[in-house]
Amino acid sequence: MTRSNPKTALTLSALVLAVSLGGCASPSSEGDFGNSVRAMIASQKYRPVGEEPPAVPTMDGARAAGSVERQRTAPPAPQRIYQGMGGAEL
């Protein structure tokens, strides 16, 4: 019987490992990640061709600053409590 060379055994083991792990590799699907969810949501919404949803109103900085200032300086408006609301009976 002949003794095998340790270098040959190591090379053969590395080759077998590389070939067996090659079968586990699959193409990446990260480019398609979320497409099924987006397609499902789109299929649940009906919009005729050419009809887009209305634009969401936005607030500029000056208007926001004025709103905050009014909240700070204006006295709070009196609140009305109705019967049966939150257990308060007046």
N, C-alpha and C. Protein backbone atom coordinates (compact mmCIF):
# COMPACT_ATOMS: atom_id res chain seq x y z
N MET A 1 0.82 -1.17 0.00
CA MET A 1 0.00 0.00 0.00
C MET A 1 0.87 1.25 0.00
N THR A 2 0.43 2.24 -0.73
CA THR A 2 1.21 3.48 -0.78
C THR A 2 0.57 4.53 0.11
N ARG A 3 1.42 5.36 0.64
CA ARG A 3 0.92 6.44 1.49
C ARG A 3 0.61 7.64 0.62
N SER A 4 -0.50 8.29 0.91
CA SER A 4 -0.87 9.46 0.11
C SER A 4 -0.16 10.69 0.67
N ASN A 5 0.11 11.58 -0.21
CA ASN A 5 0.77 12.82 0.14
C ASN A 5 -0.22 13.73 0.87
N PRO A 6 0.12 14.32 2.04
CA PRO A 6 -0.81 15.20 2.75
C PRO A 6 -1.22 16.41 1.91
N LYS A 7 -0.33 16.89 1.07
CA LYS A 7 -0.66 18.02 0.20
C LYS A 7 -1.73 17.63 -0.80
N THR A 8 -1.66 16.44 -1.33
CA THR A 8 -2.64 15.96 -2.29
C THR A 8 -3.99 15.77 -1.62
N ALA A 9 -4.00 15.25 -0.42
CA ALA A 9 -5.25 15.05 0.31
C ALA A 9 -5.91 16.39 0.63
N LEU A 10 -5.10 17.37 1.01
CA LEU A 10 -5.64 18.69 1.32
C LEU A 10 -6.19 19.35 0.06
N THR A 11 -5.50 19.22 -1.03
CA THR A 11 -5.97 19.80 -2.29
C THR A 11 -7.26 19.13 -2.73
N LEU A 12 -7.31 17.81 -2.62
CA LEU A 12 -8.51 17.07 -3.01
C LEU A 12 -9.69 17.45 -2.11
N SER A 13 -9.45 17.61 -0.81
CA SER A 13 -10.51 18.02 0.12
C SER A 13 -11.02 19.42 -0.23
N ALA A 14 -10.13 20.33 -0.53
CA ALA A 14 -10.52 21.69 -0.89
C ALA A 14 -11.33 21.69 -2.18
N LEU A 15 -10.96 20.87 -3.13
CA LEU A 15 -11.68 20.78 -4.39
C LEU A 15 -13.08 20.24 -4.18
N VAL A 16 -13.22 19.19 -3.36
CA VAL A 16 -14.53 18.61 -3.07
C VAL A 16 -15.41 19.63 -2.35
N LEU A 17 -14.84 20.35 -1.40
CA LEU A 17 -15.58 21.37 -0.65
C LEU A 17 -16.04 22.49 -1.59
N ALA A 18 -15.18 22.95 -2.47
CA ALA A 18 -15.54 24.03 -3.39
C ALA A 18 -16.67 23.61 -4.34
N VAL A 19 -16.59 22.39 -4.84
CA VAL A 19 -17.62 21.91 -5.76
C VAL A 19 -18.95 21.74 -5.03
N SER A 20 -18.90 21.22 -3.81
CA SER A 20 -20.16 21.01 -3.08
C SER A 20 -20.79 22.33 -2.66
N LEU A 21 -20.01 23.32 -2.31
CA LEU A 21 -20.55 24.63 -1.95
C LEU A 21 -21.03 25.40 -3.18
N GLY A 22 -20.49 25.08 -4.32
CA GLY A 22 -20.93 25.74 -5.56
C GLY A 22 -22.37 25.43 -5.87
N GLY A 23 -22.85 24.28 -5.46
CA GLY A 23 -24.24 23.92 -5.69
C GLY A 23 -25.21 24.69 -4.80
N CYS A 24 -24.70 25.24 -3.71
CA CYS A 24 -25.55 26.00 -2.79
C CYS A 24 -25.75 27.45 -3.24
N ALA A 25 -24.90 27.92 -4.09
CA ALA A 25 -24.98 29.32 -4.52
C ALA A 25 -26.19 29.52 -5.42
N SER A 26 -26.87 30.63 -5.22
CA SER A 26 -28.00 30.96 -6.07
C SER A 26 -27.89 32.42 -6.48
N PRO A 27 -28.51 32.79 -7.58
CA PRO A 27 -28.43 34.18 -7.99
C PRO A 27 -29.15 35.08 -6.98
N SER A 28 -28.64 36.26 -6.81
CA SER A 28 -29.20 37.20 -5.84
C SER A 28 -30.54 37.72 -6.33
N SER A 29 -31.48 37.83 -5.41
CA SER A 29 -32.80 38.35 -5.76
C SER A 29 -33.05 39.69 -5.08
N GLU A 30 -32.01 40.37 -4.63
CA GLU A 30 -32.18 41.63 -3.94
C GLU A 30 -32.75 42.71 -4.86
N GLY A 31 -32.50 42.61 -6.13
CA GLY A 31 -33.05 43.59 -7.07
C GLY A 31 -34.57 43.51 -7.14
N ASP A 32 -35.13 42.33 -6.89
CA ASP A 32 -36.58 42.13 -6.93
C ASP A 32 -37.22 42.22 -5.56
N PHE A 33 -36.45 42.56 -4.53
CA PHE A 33 -36.96 42.57 -3.17
C PHE A 33 -38.10 43.58 -3.05
N GLY A 34 -39.27 43.14 -2.61
CA GLY A 34 -40.41 44.02 -2.42
C GLY A 34 -41.32 44.15 -3.62
N ASN A 35 -40.94 43.59 -4.76
CA ASN A 35 -41.77 43.71 -5.95
C ASN A 35 -43.12 43.03 -5.77
N SER A 36 -43.15 41.91 -5.08
CA SER A 36 -44.43 41.20 -4.91
C SER A 36 -45.39 42.02 -4.05
N VAL A 37 -44.86 42.69 -3.02
CA VAL A 37 -45.71 43.52 -2.17
C VAL A 37 -46.23 44.72 -2.96
N ARG A 38 -45.34 45.37 -3.71
CA ARG A 38 -45.77 46.53 -4.51
C ARG A 38 -46.80 46.13 -5.55
N ALA A 39 -46.64 44.97 -6.16
CA ALA A 39 -47.62 44.52 -7.15
C ALA A 39 -48.96 44.21 -6.50
N MET A 40 -48.95 43.63 -5.30
CA MET A 40 -50.20 43.33 -4.61
C MET A 40 -50.93 44.62 -4.23
N ILE A 41 -50.21 45.61 -3.73
CA ILE A 41 -50.84 46.88 -3.35
C ILE A 41 -51.39 47.57 -4.59
N ALA A 42 -50.63 47.56 -5.68
CA ALA A 42 -51.10 48.20 -6.90
C ALA A 42 -52.34 47.51 -7.45
N SER A 43 -52.44 46.19 -7.27
CA SER A 43 -53.61 45.49 -7.79
C SER A 43 -54.86 45.75 -6.95
N GLN A 44 -54.70 46.22 -5.73
CA GLN A 44 -55.84 46.50 -4.88
C GLN A 44 -56.37 47.92 -5.05
N LYS A 45 -55.65 48.75 -5.75
CA LYS A 45 -56.07 50.14 -5.96
C LYS A 45 -56.52 50.30 -7.40
N TYR A 46 -57.68 50.90 -7.58
CA TYR A 46 -58.15 51.14 -8.93
C TYR A 46 -58.05 52.63 -9.22
N ARG A 47 -57.28 52.99 -10.19
CA ARG A 47 -57.18 54.36 -10.65
C ARG A 47 -57.30 54.32 -12.18
N PRO A 48 -58.29 55.03 -12.71
CA PRO A 48 -58.38 55.08 -14.17
C PRO A 48 -57.10 55.66 -14.76
N VAL A 49 -56.83 55.28 -15.99
CA VAL A 49 -55.61 55.72 -16.66
C VAL A 49 -55.60 57.24 -16.74
N GLY A 50 -54.50 57.84 -16.34
CA GLY A 50 -54.35 59.29 -16.40
C GLY A 50 -54.83 60.02 -15.16
N GLU A 51 -55.49 59.32 -14.24
CA GLU A 51 -55.98 59.98 -13.03
C GLU A 51 -55.00 59.74 -11.90
N GLU A 52 -54.44 60.80 -11.40
CA GLU A 52 -53.48 60.70 -10.30
C GLU A 52 -54.14 61.18 -9.01
N PRO A 53 -53.70 60.70 -7.87
CA PRO A 53 -54.26 61.17 -6.61
C PRO A 53 -53.94 62.65 -6.40
N PRO A 54 -54.78 63.38 -5.66
CA PRO A 54 -54.49 64.79 -5.45
C PRO A 54 -53.21 64.99 -4.65
N ALA A 55 -52.57 66.12 -4.86
CA ALA A 55 -51.32 66.41 -4.16
C ALA A 55 -51.60 66.66 -2.68
N VAL A 56 -50.69 66.26 -1.86
CA VAL A 56 -50.83 66.46 -0.42
C VAL A 56 -50.46 67.90 -0.10
N PRO A 57 -51.32 68.64 0.61
CA PRO A 57 -50.97 70.02 0.93
C PRO A 57 -49.78 70.07 1.88
N THR A 58 -48.94 71.05 1.69
CA THR A 58 -47.76 71.20 2.52
C THR A 58 -47.81 72.54 3.25
N MET A 59 -46.96 72.70 4.23
CA MET A 59 -46.91 73.94 4.99
C MET A 59 -45.50 74.50 4.89
N ASP A 60 -45.41 75.82 4.58
CA ASP A 60 -44.09 76.44 4.51
C ASP A 60 -43.63 76.84 5.92
N GLY A 61 -42.39 77.25 6.04
CA GLY A 61 -41.81 77.56 7.34
C GLY A 61 -42.46 78.73 8.04
N ALA A 62 -42.80 79.80 7.29
CA ALA A 62 -43.40 80.98 7.91
C ALA A 62 -44.77 80.65 8.50
N ARG A 63 -45.55 79.87 7.78
CA ARG A 63 -46.88 79.50 8.27
C ARG A 63 -46.77 78.61 9.51
N ALA A 64 -45.83 77.69 9.51
CA ALA A 64 -45.62 76.82 10.67
C ALA A 64 -45.18 77.63 11.88
N ALA A 65 -44.26 78.59 11.69
CA ALA A 65 -43.80 79.43 12.80
C ALA A 65 -44.95 80.26 13.36
N GLY A 66 -45.81 80.79 12.50
CA GLY A 66 -46.97 81.56 12.96
C GLY A 66 -47.93 80.70 13.76
N SER A 67 -48.12 79.47 13.35
CA SER A 67 -49.00 78.55 14.06
C SER A 67 -48.47 78.23 15.45
N VAL A 68 -47.17 78.01 15.56
CA VAL A 68 -46.56 77.72 16.85
C VAL A 68 -46.67 78.93 17.77
N GLU A 69 -46.43 80.12 17.21
CA GLU A 69 -46.51 81.34 18.01
C GLU A 69 -47.94 81.58 18.51
N ARG A 70 -48.94 81.32 17.69
CA ARG A 70 -50.34 81.46 18.13
C ARG A 70 -50.66 80.48 19.25
N GLN A 71 -50.11 79.28 19.18
CA GLN A 71 -50.34 78.30 20.24
C GLN A 71 -49.72 78.75 21.55
N ARG A 72 -48.58 79.45 21.46
CA ARG A 72 -47.89 79.90 22.67
C ARG A 72 -48.58 81.10 23.31
N THR A 73 -49.10 82.02 22.51
CA THR A 73 -49.59 83.29 23.05
C THR A 73 -51.09 83.34 23.25
N ALA A 74 -51.88 82.66 22.45
CA ALA A 74 -53.33 82.76 22.55
C ALA A 74 -53.83 81.95 23.74
N PRO A 75 -54.82 82.49 24.48
CA PRO A 75 -55.38 81.70 25.58
C PRO A 75 -56.15 80.51 25.03
N PRO A 76 -56.18 79.41 25.75
CA PRO A 76 -56.89 78.24 25.24
C PRO A 76 -58.39 78.51 25.18
N ALA A 77 -59.03 77.98 24.18
CA ALA A 77 -60.47 78.13 24.02
C ALA A 77 -61.18 77.26 25.05
N PRO A 78 -62.30 77.75 25.61
CA PRO A 78 -63.02 76.91 26.58
C PRO A 78 -63.57 75.66 25.90
N GLN A 79 -63.50 74.55 26.60
CA GLN A 79 -63.97 73.29 26.03
C GLN A 79 -65.34 72.97 26.58
N ARG A 80 -66.16 72.46 25.75
CA ARG A 80 -67.50 72.06 26.17
C ARG A 80 -67.50 70.57 26.46
N ILE A 81 -68.10 70.21 27.56
CA ILE A 81 -68.21 68.81 27.92
C ILE A 81 -69.68 68.42 27.80
N TYR A 82 -69.94 67.39 27.04
CA TYR A 82 -71.30 66.94 26.83
C TYR A 82 -71.60 65.76 27.74
N GLN A 83 -72.89 65.57 28.02
CA GLN A 83 -73.28 64.44 28.86
C GLN A 83 -72.89 63.14 28.22
N GLY A 84 -72.40 62.24 29.05
CA GLY A 84 -72.03 60.92 28.55
C GLY A 84 -70.67 60.86 27.91
N MET A 85 -69.96 61.97 27.82
CA MET A 85 -68.62 61.96 27.23
C MET A 85 -67.58 61.70 28.31
N GLY A 86 -66.94 60.61 28.27
CA GLY A 86 -65.86 60.34 29.20
C GLY A 86 -66.30 60.22 30.65
N GLY A 87 -67.56 59.96 30.89
CA GLY A 87 -68.04 59.80 32.25
C GLY A 87 -68.32 61.10 32.97
N ALA A 88 -68.13 62.26 32.30
CA ALA A 88 -68.39 63.54 32.94
C ALA A 88 -69.86 63.88 32.81
N GLU A 89 -70.53 64.03 33.89
CA GLU A 89 -71.96 64.37 33.88
C GLU A 89 -72.13 65.79 34.41
N LEU A 90 -72.55 66.69 33.56
CA LEU A 90 -72.81 68.08 33.97
C LEU A 90 -74.24 68.45 33.74
